[in-house]
Amino acid sequence: MQPIIDIINELSKNYIDDYLATHPAIGPIIDRGDPPAFD
């Protein structure tokens, strides 16, 4: 059985990935695979 902290980390990582993928400004960057431009 996983330690509870690992489970929380995994869930939060998945949640963050989903949030970023659906974020209107960030999602297209991830979909294209381009790094965000921070000049």
N, C-alpha and C. Protein backbone atom coordinates (compact mmCIF):
# COMPACT_ATOMS: atom_id res chain seq x y z
N MET A 1 0.84 -1.19 0.00
CA MET A 1 0.00 0.00 0.00
C MET A 1 0.88 1.25 0.00
N GLN A 2 0.47 2.22 -0.81
CA GLN A 2 1.25 3.45 -0.90
C GLN A 2 1.07 4.29 0.35
N PRO A 3 2.11 4.98 0.75
CA PRO A 3 1.93 5.99 1.79
C PRO A 3 0.93 7.04 1.33
N ILE A 4 0.16 7.57 2.25
CA ILE A 4 -0.91 8.51 1.88
C ILE A 4 -0.35 9.74 1.18
N ILE A 5 0.86 10.16 1.54
CA ILE A 5 1.42 11.35 0.91
C ILE A 5 1.67 11.11 -0.57
N ASP A 6 2.09 9.90 -0.92
CA ASP A 6 2.31 9.57 -2.33
C ASP A 6 1.00 9.63 -3.10
N ILE A 7 -0.06 9.13 -2.48
CA ILE A 7 -1.37 9.16 -3.13
C ILE A 7 -1.81 10.60 -3.35
N ILE A 8 -1.62 11.43 -2.34
CA ILE A 8 -2.01 12.84 -2.47
C ILE A 8 -1.17 13.52 -3.55
N ASN A 9 0.11 13.24 -3.57
CA ASN A 9 0.98 13.83 -4.59
C ASN A 9 0.53 13.42 -5.99
N GLU A 10 0.19 12.17 -6.16
CA GLU A 10 -0.22 11.67 -7.47
C GLU A 10 -1.53 12.32 -7.89
N LEU A 11 -2.48 12.41 -6.95
CA LEU A 11 -3.76 13.03 -7.27
C LEU A 11 -3.59 14.50 -7.62
N SER A 12 -2.78 15.21 -6.83
CA SER A 12 -2.61 16.64 -7.09
C SER A 12 -1.88 16.87 -8.40
N LYS A 13 -0.92 15.98 -8.74
CA LYS A 13 -0.21 16.12 -10.00
C LYS A 13 -1.17 15.94 -11.17
N ASN A 14 -2.04 14.93 -11.06
CA ASN A 14 -3.02 14.70 -12.12
C ASN A 14 -3.99 15.88 -12.22
N TYR A 15 -4.39 16.41 -11.07
CA TYR A 15 -5.32 17.54 -11.06
C TYR A 15 -4.68 18.76 -11.72
N ILE A 16 -3.42 19.01 -11.38
CA ILE A 16 -2.72 20.15 -11.96
C ILE A 16 -2.55 19.96 -13.46
N ASP A 17 -2.18 18.75 -13.89
CA ASP A 17 -2.04 18.49 -15.32
C ASP A 17 -3.36 18.75 -16.05
N ASP A 18 -4.47 18.27 -15.46
CA ASP A 18 -5.77 18.48 -16.08
C ASP A 18 -6.11 19.96 -16.13
N TYR A 19 -5.82 20.67 -15.05
CA TYR A 19 -6.12 22.10 -15.00
C TYR A 19 -5.32 22.86 -16.06
N LEU A 20 -4.04 22.56 -16.15
CA LEU A 20 -3.21 23.26 -17.12
C LEU A 20 -3.63 22.92 -18.55
N ALA A 21 -3.99 21.66 -18.78
CA ALA A 21 -4.37 21.24 -20.13
C ALA A 21 -5.65 21.92 -20.58
N THR A 22 -6.53 22.26 -19.63
CA THR A 22 -7.80 22.88 -19.99
C THR A 22 -7.75 24.40 -19.83
N HIS A 23 -6.65 24.92 -19.33
CA HIS A 23 -6.53 26.37 -19.16
C HIS A 23 -6.42 27.03 -20.54
N PRO A 24 -7.21 28.04 -20.82
CA PRO A 24 -7.23 28.61 -22.18
C PRO A 24 -5.89 29.17 -22.64
N ALA A 25 -5.10 29.68 -21.70
CA ALA A 25 -3.81 30.26 -22.10
C ALA A 25 -2.71 29.22 -22.13
N ILE A 26 -2.80 28.21 -21.26
CA ILE A 26 -1.70 27.26 -21.10
C ILE A 26 -1.94 26.00 -21.92
N GLY A 27 -3.20 25.59 -22.05
CA GLY A 27 -3.53 24.37 -22.77
C GLY A 27 -2.92 24.29 -24.16
N PRO A 28 -3.09 25.34 -24.99
CA PRO A 28 -2.53 25.28 -26.34
C PRO A 28 -1.02 25.12 -26.36
N ILE A 29 -0.34 25.68 -25.36
CA ILE A 29 1.12 25.54 -25.28
C ILE A 29 1.47 24.07 -25.06
N ILE A 30 0.75 23.43 -24.14
CA ILE A 30 1.02 22.02 -23.84
C ILE A 30 0.67 21.16 -25.05
N ASP A 31 -0.46 21.48 -25.71
CA ASP A 31 -0.88 20.68 -26.86
C ASP A 31 0.15 20.75 -27.99
N ARG A 32 0.72 21.93 -28.20
CA ARG A 32 1.73 22.08 -29.26
C ARG A 32 3.05 21.47 -28.85
N GLY A 33 3.28 21.36 -27.55
CA GLY A 33 4.54 20.82 -27.08
C GLY A 33 5.63 21.87 -27.06
N ASP A 34 5.27 23.14 -27.29
CA ASP A 34 6.28 24.19 -27.26
C ASP A 34 6.48 24.66 -25.83
N PRO A 35 7.69 25.00 -25.46
CA PRO A 35 7.89 25.60 -24.14
C PRO A 35 7.27 26.99 -24.12
N PRO A 36 6.71 27.41 -22.99
CA PRO A 36 6.18 28.76 -22.91
C PRO A 36 7.31 29.78 -23.06
N ALA A 37 7.00 30.89 -23.71
CA ALA A 37 8.03 31.89 -23.97
C ALA A 37 8.09 32.89 -22.82
N PHE A 38 9.16 32.84 -22.07
CA PHE A 38 9.39 33.82 -21.01
C PHE A 38 10.64 34.60 -21.38
N ASP A 39 10.46 35.61 -22.21
CA ASP A 39 11.62 36.38 -22.65
C ASP A 39 11.89 37.52 -21.71
